[in-house]
Amino acid sequence: MITEIVTFEIAEGLGRAEVLALYEKTMPAWRANPDLIRKTYLYDPEGRRGGGVYLWKDIEAARRAHDAAWCDRAEAMYGSRPQFAYYETPFVIENG
């Protein structure tokens, strides 16, 4: 498994309600992706940063999902180009 951390700066003028509404609009597409195991949405109002933590079956799935077209859409929605970090994920613990 691969953990992908995606971050981006949130444009001035986009408040919490607007950012969360944009996040909600993306949820059906992520739920429909068969290669995505889990997604956690991130929001930092003080630092004006957002993003997501994704758990994928493999790195190829992550890169397919976050291609250039996706990056263009994210930049248009949130106001900046996303940045990516990838980590091998040998274990996951769920305490819920």
PDB file of N, CA and C in Angstrom:
ATOM      1  N   MET A   1       0.844  -1.183   0.000  1.00  0.00           N
ATOM      2  CA  MET A   1       0.000   0.000   0.000  1.00  0.00           C
ATOM      3  C   MET A   1       0.883   1.238   0.000  1.00  0.00           C
ATOM      4  N   ILE A   2       0.290   2.323  -0.469  1.00  0.00           N
ATOM      5  CA  ILE A   2       0.981   3.607  -0.549  1.00  0.00           C
ATOM      6  C   ILE A   2       0.113   4.677   0.116  1.00  0.00           C
ATOM      7  N   THR A   3       0.727   5.465   0.990  1.00  0.00           N
ATOM      8  CA  THR A   3       0.076   6.664   1.513  1.00  0.00           C
ATOM      9  C   THR A   3       0.574   7.844   0.703  1.00  0.00           C
ATOM     10  N   GLU A   4      -0.371   8.612   0.218  1.00  0.00           N
ATOM     11  CA  GLU A   4      -0.065   9.818  -0.554  1.00  0.00           C
ATOM     12  C   GLU A   4      -0.614  10.997   0.235  1.00  0.00           C
ATOM     13  N   ILE A   5       0.235  11.986   0.470  1.00  0.00           N
ATOM     14  CA  ILE A   5      -0.193  13.204   1.147  1.00  0.00           C
ATOM     15  C   ILE A   5      -0.177  14.326   0.125  1.00  0.00           C
ATOM     16  N   VAL A   6      -1.341  14.922  -0.074  1.00  0.00           N
ATOM     17  CA  VAL A   6      -1.521  16.004  -1.044  1.00  0.00           C
ATOM     18  C   VAL A   6      -1.840  17.269  -0.264  1.00  0.00           C
ATOM     19  N   THR A   7      -1.112  18.347  -0.531  1.00  0.00           N
ATOM     20  CA  THR A   7      -1.379  19.625   0.135  1.00  0.00           C
ATOM     21  C   THR A   7      -1.424  20.745  -0.892  1.00  0.00           C
ATOM     22  N   PHE A   8      -2.158  21.790  -0.542  1.00  0.00           N
ATOM     23  CA  PHE A   8      -2.242  22.970  -1.399  1.00  0.00           C
ATOM     24  C   PHE A   8      -2.595  24.177  -0.541  1.00  0.00           C
ATOM     25  N   GLU A   9      -2.227  25.354  -1.035  1.00  0.00           N
ATOM     26  CA  GLU A   9      -2.603  26.597  -0.381  1.00  0.00           C
ATOM     27  C   GLU A   9      -4.013  26.955  -0.810  1.00  0.00           C
ATOM     28  N   ILE A  10      -4.785  27.483   0.132  1.00  0.00           N
ATOM     29  CA  ILE A  10      -6.161  27.878  -0.146  1.00  0.00           C
ATOM     30  C   ILE A  10      -6.187  29.372  -0.453  1.00  0.00           C
ATOM     31  N   ALA A  11      -6.826  29.721  -1.541  1.00  0.00           N
ATOM     32  CA  ALA A  11      -6.880  31.114  -1.983  1.00  0.00           C
ATOM     33  C   ALA A  11      -7.570  32.001  -0.953  1.00  0.00           C
ATOM     34  N   GLU A  12      -7.089  33.230  -0.858  1.00  0.00           N
ATOM     35  CA  GLU A  12      -7.769  34.229  -0.028  1.00  0.00           C
ATOM     36  C   GLU A  12      -9.210  34.346  -0.498  1.00  0.00           C
ATOM     37  N   GLY A  13     -10.108  34.538   0.419  1.00  0.00           N
ATOM     38  CA  GLY A  13     -11.512  34.678   0.056  1.00  0.00           C
ATOM     39  C   GLY A  13     -12.292  33.381   0.156  1.00  0.00           C
ATOM     40  N   LEU A  14     -11.593  32.238   0.179  1.00  0.00           N
ATOM     41  CA  LEU A  14     -12.276  30.960   0.380  1.00  0.00           C
ATOM     42  C   LEU A  14     -12.310  30.668   1.875  1.00  0.00           C
ATOM     43  N   GLY A  15     -13.489  30.719   2.440  1.00  0.00           N
ATOM     44  CA  GLY A  15     -13.640  30.433   3.860  1.00  0.00           C
ATOM     45  C   GLY A  15     -13.885  28.957   4.106  1.00  0.00           C
ATOM     46  N   ARG A  16     -14.006  28.605   5.371  1.00  0.00           N
ATOM     47  CA  ARG A  16     -14.191  27.211   5.761  1.00  0.00           C
ATOM     48  C   ARG A  16     -15.408  26.586   5.077  1.00  0.00           C
ATOM     49  N   ALA A  17     -16.525  27.274   5.094  1.00  0.00           N
ATOM     50  CA  ALA A  17     -17.747  26.714   4.497  1.00  0.00           C
ATOM     51  C   ALA A  17     -17.561  26.427   3.013  1.00  0.00           C
ATOM     52  N   GLU A  18     -16.891  27.327   2.312  1.00  0.00           N
ATOM     53  CA  GLU A  18     -16.668  27.130   0.878  1.00  0.00           C
ATOM     54  C   GLU A  18     -15.722  25.956   0.620  1.00  0.00           C
ATOM     55  N   VAL A  19     -14.663  25.876   1.413  1.00  0.00           N
ATOM     56  CA  VAL A  19     -13.704  24.776   1.233  1.00  0.00           C
ATOM     57  C   VAL A  19     -14.383  23.438   1.506  1.00  0.00           C
ATOM     58  N   LEU A  20     -15.142  23.353   2.595  1.00  0.00           N
ATOM     59  CA  LEU A  20     -15.810  22.088   2.914  1.00  0.00           C
ATOM     60  C   LEU A  20     -16.853  21.729   1.862  1.00  0.00           C
ATOM     61  N   ALA A  21     -17.522  22.725   1.303  1.00  0.00           N
ATOM     62  CA  ALA A  21     -18.481  22.457   0.224  1.00  0.00           C
ATOM     63  C   ALA A  21     -17.767  21.911  -1.006  1.00  0.00           C
ATOM     64  N   LEU A  22     -16.592  22.447  -1.314  1.00  0.00           N
ATOM     65  CA  LEU A  22     -15.806  21.922  -2.439  1.00  0.00           C
ATOM     66  C   LEU A  22     -15.361  20.495  -2.159  1.00  0.00           C
ATOM     67  N   TYR A  23     -14.937  20.231  -0.936  1.00  0.00           N
ATOM     68  CA  TYR A  23     -14.559  18.870  -0.564  1.00  0.00           C
ATOM     69  C   TYR A  23     -15.734  17.916  -0.764  1.00  0.00           C
ATOM     70  N   GLU A  24     -16.898  18.317  -0.281  1.00  0.00           N
ATOM     71  CA  GLU A  24     -18.082  17.452  -0.392  1.00  0.00           C
ATOM     72  C   GLU A  24     -18.414  17.111  -1.842  1.00  0.00           C
ATOM     73  N   LYS A  25     -18.204  18.074  -2.739  1.00  0.00           N
ATOM     74  CA  LYS A  25     -18.490  17.826  -4.153  1.00  0.00           C
ATOM     75  C   LYS A  25     -17.583  16.745  -4.738  1.00  0.00           C
ATOM     76  N   THR A  26     -16.394  16.575  -4.145  1.00  0.00           N
ATOM     77  CA  THR A  26     -15.452  15.577  -4.668  1.00  0.00           C
ATOM     78  C   THR A  26     -15.686  14.175  -4.105  1.00  0.00           C
ATOM     79  N   MET A  27     -16.463  14.069  -3.058  1.00  0.00           N
ATOM     80  CA  MET A  27     -16.607  12.787  -2.361  1.00  0.00           C
ATOM     81  C   MET A  27     -17.152  11.647  -3.234  1.00  0.00           C
ATOM     82  N   PRO A  28     -18.180  11.861  -4.045  1.00  0.00           N
ATOM     83  CA  PRO A  28     -18.685  10.735  -4.853  1.00  0.00           C
ATOM     84  C   PRO A  28     -17.633  10.130  -5.783  1.00  0.00           C
ATOM     85  N   ALA A  29     -16.810  10.964  -6.390  1.00  0.00           N
ATOM     86  CA  ALA A  29     -15.783  10.442  -7.302  1.00  0.00           C
ATOM     87  C   ALA A  29     -14.757   9.599  -6.541  1.00  0.00           C
ATOM     88  N   TRP A  30     -14.369  10.055  -5.357  1.00  0.00           N
ATOM     89  CA  TRP A  30     -13.394   9.276  -4.585  1.00  0.00           C
ATOM     90  C   TRP A  30     -14.002   7.975  -4.093  1.00  0.00           C
ATOM     91  N   ARG A  31     -15.261   8.010  -3.681  1.00  0.00           N
ATOM     92  CA  ARG A  31     -15.927   6.767  -3.256  1.00  0.00           C
ATOM     93  C   ARG A  31     -16.000   5.753  -4.386  1.00  0.00           C
ATOM     94  N   ALA A  32     -16.094   6.224  -5.610  1.00  0.00           N
ATOM     95  CA  ALA A  32     -16.228   5.341  -6.768  1.00  0.00           C
ATOM     96  C   ALA A  32     -14.893   4.783  -7.265  1.00  0.00           C
ATOM     97  N   ASN A  33     -13.781   5.281  -6.756  1.00  0.00           N
ATOM     98  CA  ASN A  33     -12.472   4.829  -7.233  1.00  0.00           C
ATOM     99  C   ASN A  33     -12.121   3.492  -6.582  1.00  0.00           C
ATOM    100  N   PRO A  34     -12.051   2.413  -7.357  1.00  0.00           N
ATOM    101  CA  PRO A  34     -11.819   1.094  -6.772  1.00  0.00           C
ATOM    102  C   PRO A  34     -10.407   0.890  -6.226  1.00  0.00           C
ATOM    103  N   ASP A  35      -9.461   1.757  -6.587  1.00  0.00           N
ATOM    104  CA  ASP A  35      -8.085   1.629  -6.110  1.00  0.00           C
ATOM    105  C   ASP A  35      -7.824   2.387  -4.812  1.00  0.00           C
ATOM    106  N   LEU A  36      -8.768   3.224  -4.410  1.00  0.00           N
ATOM    107  CA  LEU A  36      -8.609   4.023  -3.197  1.00  0.00           C
ATOM    108  C   LEU A  36      -9.146   3.241  -2.003  1.00  0.00           C
ATOM    109  N   ILE A  37      -8.317   3.069  -1.007  1.00  0.00           N
ATOM    110  CA  ILE A  37      -8.719   2.358   0.201  1.00  0.00           C
ATOM    111  C   ILE A  37      -9.361   3.329   1.197  1.00  0.00           C
ATOM    112  N   ARG A  38      -8.746   4.499   1.357  1.00  0.00           N
ATOM    113  CA  ARG A  38      -9.242   5.483   2.313  1.00  0.00           C
ATOM    114  C   ARG A  38      -8.767   6.868   1.907  1.00  0.00           C
ATOM    115  N   LYS A  39      -9.583   7.863   2.232  1.00  0.00           N
ATOM    116  CA  LYS A  39      -9.180   9.258   2.039  1.00  0.00           C
ATOM    117  C   LYS A  39      -9.579  10.048   3.267  1.00  0.00           C
ATOM    118  N   THR A  40      -8.662  10.881   3.744  1.00  0.00           N
ATOM    119  CA  THR A  40      -8.912  11.803   4.840  1.00  0.00           C
ATOM    120  C   THR A  40      -8.692  13.215   4.306  1.00  0.00           C
ATOM    121  N   TYR A  41      -9.694  14.065   4.467  1.00  0.00           N
ATOM    122  CA  TYR A  41      -9.580  15.454   4.023  1.00  0.00           C
ATOM    123  C   TYR A  41      -8.898  16.275   5.113  1.00  0.00           C
ATOM    124  N   LEU A  42      -8.058  17.229   4.698  1.00  0.00           N
ATOM    125  CA  LEU A  42      -7.310  18.087   5.613  1.00  0.00           C
ATOM    126  C   LEU A  42      -7.693  19.548   5.403  1.00  0.00           C
ATOM    127  N   TYR A  43      -7.787  20.289   6.520  1.00  0.00           N
ATOM    128  CA  TYR A  43      -8.080  21.721   6.429  1.00  0.00           C
ATOM    129  C   TYR A  43      -7.387  22.433   7.581  1.00  0.00           C
ATOM    130  N   ASP A  44      -6.575  23.431   7.253  1.00  0.00           N
ATOM    131  CA  ASP A  44      -5.864  24.250   8.235  1.00  0.00           C
ATOM    132  C   ASP A  44      -6.231  25.705   7.982  1.00  0.00           C
ATOM    133  N   PRO A  45      -7.206  26.237   8.727  1.00  0.00           N
ATOM    134  CA  PRO A  45      -7.653  27.604   8.457  1.00  0.00           C
ATOM    135  C   PRO A  45      -6.591  28.670   8.761  1.00  0.00           C
ATOM    136  N   GLU A  46      -5.796  28.468   9.785  1.00  0.00           N
ATOM    137  CA  GLU A  46      -4.779  29.474  10.135  1.00  0.00           C
ATOM    138  C   GLU A  46      -3.664  29.534   9.103  1.00  0.00           C
ATOM    139  N   GLY A  47      -3.241  28.377   8.621  1.00  0.00           N
ATOM    140  CA  GLY A  47      -2.178  28.330   7.618  1.00  0.00           C
ATOM    141  C   GLY A  47      -2.690  28.431   6.194  1.00  0.00           C
ATOM    142  N   ARG A  48      -4.033  28.483   6.045  1.00  0.00           N
ATOM    143  CA  ARG A  48      -4.688  28.546   4.733  1.00  0.00           C
ATOM    144  C   ARG A  48      -4.189  27.427   3.833  1.00  0.00           C
ATOM    145  N   ARG A  49      -4.196  26.196   4.392  1.00  0.00           N
ATOM    146  CA  ARG A  49      -3.764  25.022   3.644  1.00  0.00           C
ATOM    147  C   ARG A  49      -4.841  23.955   3.723  1.00  0.00           C
ATOM    148  N   GLY A  50      -4.916  23.190   2.663  1.00  0.00           N
ATOM    149  CA  GLY A  50      -5.838  22.068   2.615  1.00  0.00           C
ATOM    150  C   GLY A  50      -5.144  20.888   1.972  1.00  0.00           C
ATOM    151  N   GLY A  51      -5.884  19.795   1.868  1.00  0.00           N
ATOM    152  CA  GLY A  51      -5.319  18.636   1.209  1.00  0.00           C
ATOM    153  C   GLY A  51      -6.017  17.365   1.603  1.00  0.00           C
ATOM    154  N   GLY A  52      -5.305  16.275   1.398  1.00  0.00           N
ATOM    155  CA  GLY A  52      -5.846  14.970   1.724  1.00  0.00           C
ATOM    156  C   GLY A  52      -4.748  13.960   1.964  1.00  0.00           C
ATOM    157  N   VAL A  53      -5.100  12.956   2.746  1.00  0.00           N
ATOM    158  CA  VAL A  53      -4.232  11.811   2.958  1.00  0.00           C
ATOM    159  C   VAL A  53      -4.963  10.624   2.357  1.00  0.00           C
ATOM    160  N   TYR A  54      -4.327   9.977   1.392  1.00  0.00           N
ATOM    161  CA  TYR A  54      -4.928   8.898   0.629  1.00  0.00           C
ATOM    162  C   TYR A  54      -4.174   7.608   0.916  1.00  0.00           C
ATOM    163  N   LEU A  55      -4.901   6.526   1.056  1.00  0.00           N
ATOM    164  CA  LEU A  55      -4.290   5.212   1.140  1.00  0.00           C
ATOM    165  C   LEU A  55      -4.695   4.451  -0.114  1.00  0.00           C
ATOM    166  N   TRP A  56      -3.690   4.117  -0.917  1.00  0.00           N
ATOM    167  CA  TRP A  56      -3.898   3.486  -2.220  1.00  0.00           C
ATOM    168  C   TRP A  56      -3.378   2.058  -2.230  1.00  0.00           C
ATOM    169  N   LYS A  57      -3.886   1.278  -3.172  1.00  0.00           N
ATOM    170  CA  LYS A  57      -3.395  -0.085  -3.366  1.00  0.00           C
ATOM    171  C   LYS A  57      -1.939  -0.071  -3.827  1.00  0.00           C
ATOM    172  N   ASP A  58      -1.590   0.913  -4.677  1.00  0.00           N
ATOM    173  CA  ASP A  58      -0.215   1.030  -5.171  1.00  0.00           C
ATOM    174  C   ASP A  58       0.012   2.446  -5.689  1.00  0.00           C
ATOM    175  N   ILE A  59       1.269   2.767  -5.940  1.00  0.00           N
ATOM    176  CA  ILE A  59       1.623   4.122  -6.357  1.00  0.00           C
ATOM    177  C   ILE A  59       1.081   4.459  -7.744  1.00  0.00           C
ATOM    178  N   GLU A  60       0.963   3.466  -8.604  1.00  0.00           N
ATOM    179  CA  GLU A  60       0.422   3.729  -9.936  1.00  0.00           C
ATOM    180  C   GLU A  60      -1.012   4.247  -9.844  1.00  0.00           C
ATOM    181  N   ALA A  61      -1.788   3.697  -8.927  1.00  0.00           N
ATOM    182  CA  ALA A  61      -3.169   4.159  -8.738  1.00  0.00           C
ATOM    183  C   ALA A  61      -3.188   5.612  -8.277  1.00  0.00           C
ATOM    184  N   ALA A  62      -2.287   5.959  -7.374  1.00  0.00           N
ATOM    185  CA  ALA A  62      -2.205   7.341  -6.889  1.00  0.00           C
ATOM    186  C   ALA A  62      -1.879   8.291  -8.037  1.00  0.00           C
ATOM    187  N   ARG A  63      -0.925   7.926  -8.827  1.00  0.00           N
ATOM    188  CA  ARG A  63      -0.503   8.800  -9.935  1.00  0.00           C
ATOM    189  C   ARG A  63      -1.571   8.901 -11.020  1.00  0.00           C
ATOM    190  N   ARG A  64      -2.301   7.823 -11.258  1.00  0.00           N
ATOM    191  CA  ARG A  64      -3.409   7.882 -12.225  1.00  0.00           C
ATOM    192  C   ARG A  64      -4.491   8.839 -11.741  1.00  0.00           C
ATOM    193  N   ALA A  65      -4.803   8.769 -10.473  1.00  0.00           N
ATOM    194  CA  ALA A  65      -5.879   9.600  -9.923  1.00  0.00           C
ATOM    195  C   ALA A  65      -5.502  11.078  -9.877  1.00  0.00           C
ATOM    196  N   HIS A  66      -4.232  11.353  -9.658  1.00  0.00           N
ATOM    197  CA  HIS A  66      -3.778  12.739  -9.535  1.00  0.00           C
ATOM    198  C   HIS A  66      -2.897  13.119 -10.720  1.00  0.00           C
ATOM    199  N   ASP A  67      -3.475  12.995 -11.890  1.00  0.00           N
ATOM    200  CA  ASP A  67      -2.754  13.337 -13.116  1.00  0.00           C
ATOM    201  C   ASP A  67      -2.782  14.850 -13.346  1.00  0.00           C
ATOM    202  N   ALA A  68      -2.251  15.293 -14.466  1.00  0.00           N
ATOM    203  CA  ALA A  68      -2.171  16.730 -14.765  1.00  0.00           C
ATOM    204  C   ALA A  68      -3.550  17.374 -14.822  1.00  0.00           C
ATOM    205  N   ALA A  69      -4.529  16.680 -15.361  1.00  0.00           N
ATOM    206  CA  ALA A  69      -5.886  17.237 -15.440  1.00  0.00           C
ATOM    207  C   ALA A  69      -6.459  17.441 -14.043  1.00  0.00           C
ATOM    208  N   TRP A  70      -6.225  16.487 -13.146  1.00  0.00           N
ATOM    209  CA  TRP A  70      -6.707  16.640 -11.764  1.00  0.00           C
ATOM    210  C   TRP A  70      -6.016  17.833 -11.102  1.00  0.00           C
ATOM    211  N   CYS A  71      -4.713  17.967 -11.306  1.00  0.00           N
ATOM    212  CA  CYS A  71      -3.972  19.093 -10.727  1.00  0.00           C
ATOM    213  C   CYS A  71      -4.519  20.427 -11.240  1.00  0.00           C
ATOM    214  N   ASP A  72      -4.876  20.485 -12.517  1.00  0.00           N
ATOM    215  CA  ASP A  72      -5.465  21.709 -13.080  1.00  0.00           C
ATOM    216  C   ASP A  72      -6.793  22.033 -12.392  1.00  0.00           C
ATOM    217  N   ARG A  73      -7.634  21.010 -12.185  1.00  0.00           N
ATOM    218  CA  ARG A  73      -8.928  21.222 -11.518  1.00  0.00           C
ATOM    219  C   ARG A  73      -8.727  21.678 -10.074  1.00  0.00           C
ATOM    220  N   ALA A  74      -7.792  21.047  -9.376  1.00  0.00           N
ATOM    221  CA  ALA A  74      -7.532  21.422  -7.984  1.00  0.00           C
ATOM    222  C   ALA A  74      -7.040  22.871  -7.887  1.00  0.00           C
ATOM    223  N   GLU A  75      -6.172  23.246  -8.799  1.00  0.00           N
ATOM    224  CA  GLU A  75      -5.668  24.622  -8.801  1.00  0.00           C
ATOM    225  C   GLU A  75      -6.804  25.605  -9.055  1.00  0.00           C
ATOM    226  N   ALA A  76      -7.690  25.272  -9.971  1.00  0.00           N
ATOM    227  CA  ALA A  76      -8.828  26.152 -10.252  1.00  0.00           C
ATOM    228  C   ALA A  76      -9.775  26.244  -9.059  1.00  0.00           C
ATOM    229  N   MET A  77      -9.958  25.156  -8.342  1.00  0.00           N
ATOM    230  CA  MET A  77     -10.880  25.130  -7.206  1.00  0.00           C
ATOM    231  C   MET A  77     -10.326  25.848  -5.988  1.00  0.00           C
ATOM    232  N   TYR A  78      -9.065  25.578  -5.654  1.00  0.00           N
ATOM    233  CA  TYR A  78      -8.512  26.027  -4.379  1.00  0.00           C
ATOM    234  C   TYR A  78      -7.526  27.177  -4.496  1.00  0.00           C
ATOM    235  N   GLY A  79      -7.012  27.426  -5.706  1.00  0.00           N
ATOM    236  CA  GLY A  79      -6.163  28.589  -5.912  1.00  0.00           C
ATOM    237  C   GLY A  79      -4.677  28.322  -5.974  1.00  0.00           C
ATOM    238  N   SER A  80      -4.248  27.058  -5.864  1.00  0.00           N
ATOM    239  CA  SER A  80      -2.815  26.771  -6.001  1.00  0.00           C
ATOM    240  C   SER A  80      -2.625  25.343  -6.481  1.00  0.00           C
ATOM    241  N   ARG A  81      -1.469  25.103  -7.026  1.00  0.00           N
ATOM    242  CA  ARG A  81      -1.117  23.772  -7.539  1.00  0.00           C
ATOM    243  C   ARG A  81      -0.797  22.863  -6.346  1.00  0.00           C
ATOM    244  N   PRO A  82      -1.297  21.645  -6.339  1.00  0.00           N
ATOM    245  CA  PRO A  82      -1.023  20.739  -5.223  1.00  0.00           C
ATOM    246  C   PRO A  82       0.402  20.197  -5.231  1.00  0.00           C
ATOM    247  N   GLN A  83       0.835  19.811  -4.042  1.00  0.00           N
ATOM    248  CA  GLN A  83       2.131  19.164  -3.865  1.00  0.00           C
ATOM    249  C   GLN A  83       1.879  17.751  -3.339  1.00  0.00           C
ATOM    250  N   PHE A  84       2.788  16.818  -3.655  1.00  0.00           N
ATOM    251  CA  PHE A  84       2.587  15.407  -3.348  1.00  0.00           C
ATOM    252  C   PHE A  84       3.776  14.820  -2.603  1.00  0.00           C
ATOM    253  N   ALA A  85       3.481  13.922  -1.671  1.00  0.00           N
ATOM    254  CA  ALA A  85       4.496  13.108  -1.005  1.00  0.00           C
ATOM    255  C   ALA A  85       3.945  11.686  -0.926  1.00  0.00           C
ATOM    256  N   TYR A  86       4.830  10.702  -1.105  1.00  0.00           N
ATOM    257  CA  TYR A  86       4.430   9.297  -1.133  1.00  0.00           C
ATOM    258  C   TYR A  86       5.236   8.512  -0.101  1.00  0.00           C
ATOM    259  N   TYR A  87       4.542   7.575   0.565  1.00  0.00           N
ATOM    260  CA  TYR A  87       5.173   6.747   1.578  1.00  0.00           C
ATOM    261  C   TYR A  87       4.694   5.305   1.439  1.00  0.00           C
ATOM    262  N   GLU A  88       5.606   4.379   1.495  1.00  0.00           N
ATOM    263  CA  GLU A  88       5.220   2.979   1.590  1.00  0.00           C
ATOM    264  C   GLU A  88       4.479   2.809   2.910  1.00  0.00           C
ATOM    265  N   THR A  89       3.409   2.045   2.883  1.00  0.00           N
ATOM    266  CA  THR A  89       2.581   1.866   4.073  1.00  0.00           C
ATOM    267  C   THR A  89       2.484   0.376   4.379  1.00  0.00           C
ATOM    268  N   PRO A  90       3.408  -0.140   5.198  1.00  0.00           N
ATOM    269  CA  PRO A  90       3.414  -1.567   5.454  1.00  0.00           C
ATOM    270  C   PRO A  90       2.319  -2.035   6.411  1.00  0.00           C
ATOM    271  N   PHE A  91       1.841  -1.126   7.288  1.00  0.00           N
ATOM    272  CA  PHE A  91       0.830  -1.500   8.281  1.00  0.00           C
ATOM    273  C   PHE A  91      -0.162  -0.363   8.470  1.00  0.00           C
ATOM    274  N   VAL A  92      -1.414  -0.729   8.766  1.00  0.00           N
ATOM    275  CA  VAL A  92      -2.452   0.237   9.113  1.00  0.00           C
ATOM    276  C   VAL A  92      -3.168  -0.297  10.348  1.00  0.00           C
ATOM    277  N   ILE A  93      -3.328   0.545  11.341  1.00  0.00           N
ATOM    278  CA  ILE A  93      -4.075   0.188  12.542  1.00  0.00           C
ATOM    279  C   ILE A  93      -5.319   1.030  12.592  1.00  0.00           C
ATOM    280  N   GLU A  94      -6.455   0.403  12.809  1.00  0.00           N
ATOM    281  CA  GLU A  94      -7.725   1.130  12.951  1.00  0.00           C
ATOM    282  C   GLU A  94      -8.264   0.838  14.342  1.00  0.00           C
ATOM    283  N   ASN A  95      -8.460   1.875  15.122  1.00  0.00           N
ATOM    284  CA  ASN A  95      -8.967   1.723  16.480  1.00  0.00           C
ATOM    285  C   ASN A  95     -10.395   2.217  16.610  1.00  0.00           C
ATOM    286  N   GLY A  96     -11.137   2.200  15.524  1.00  0.00           N
ATOM    287  CA  GLY A  96     -12.481   2.745  15.559  1.00  0.00           C
ATOM    288  C   GLY A  96     -13.487   1.687  15.675  1.00  0.00           C
TER     289      GLY A  96
END
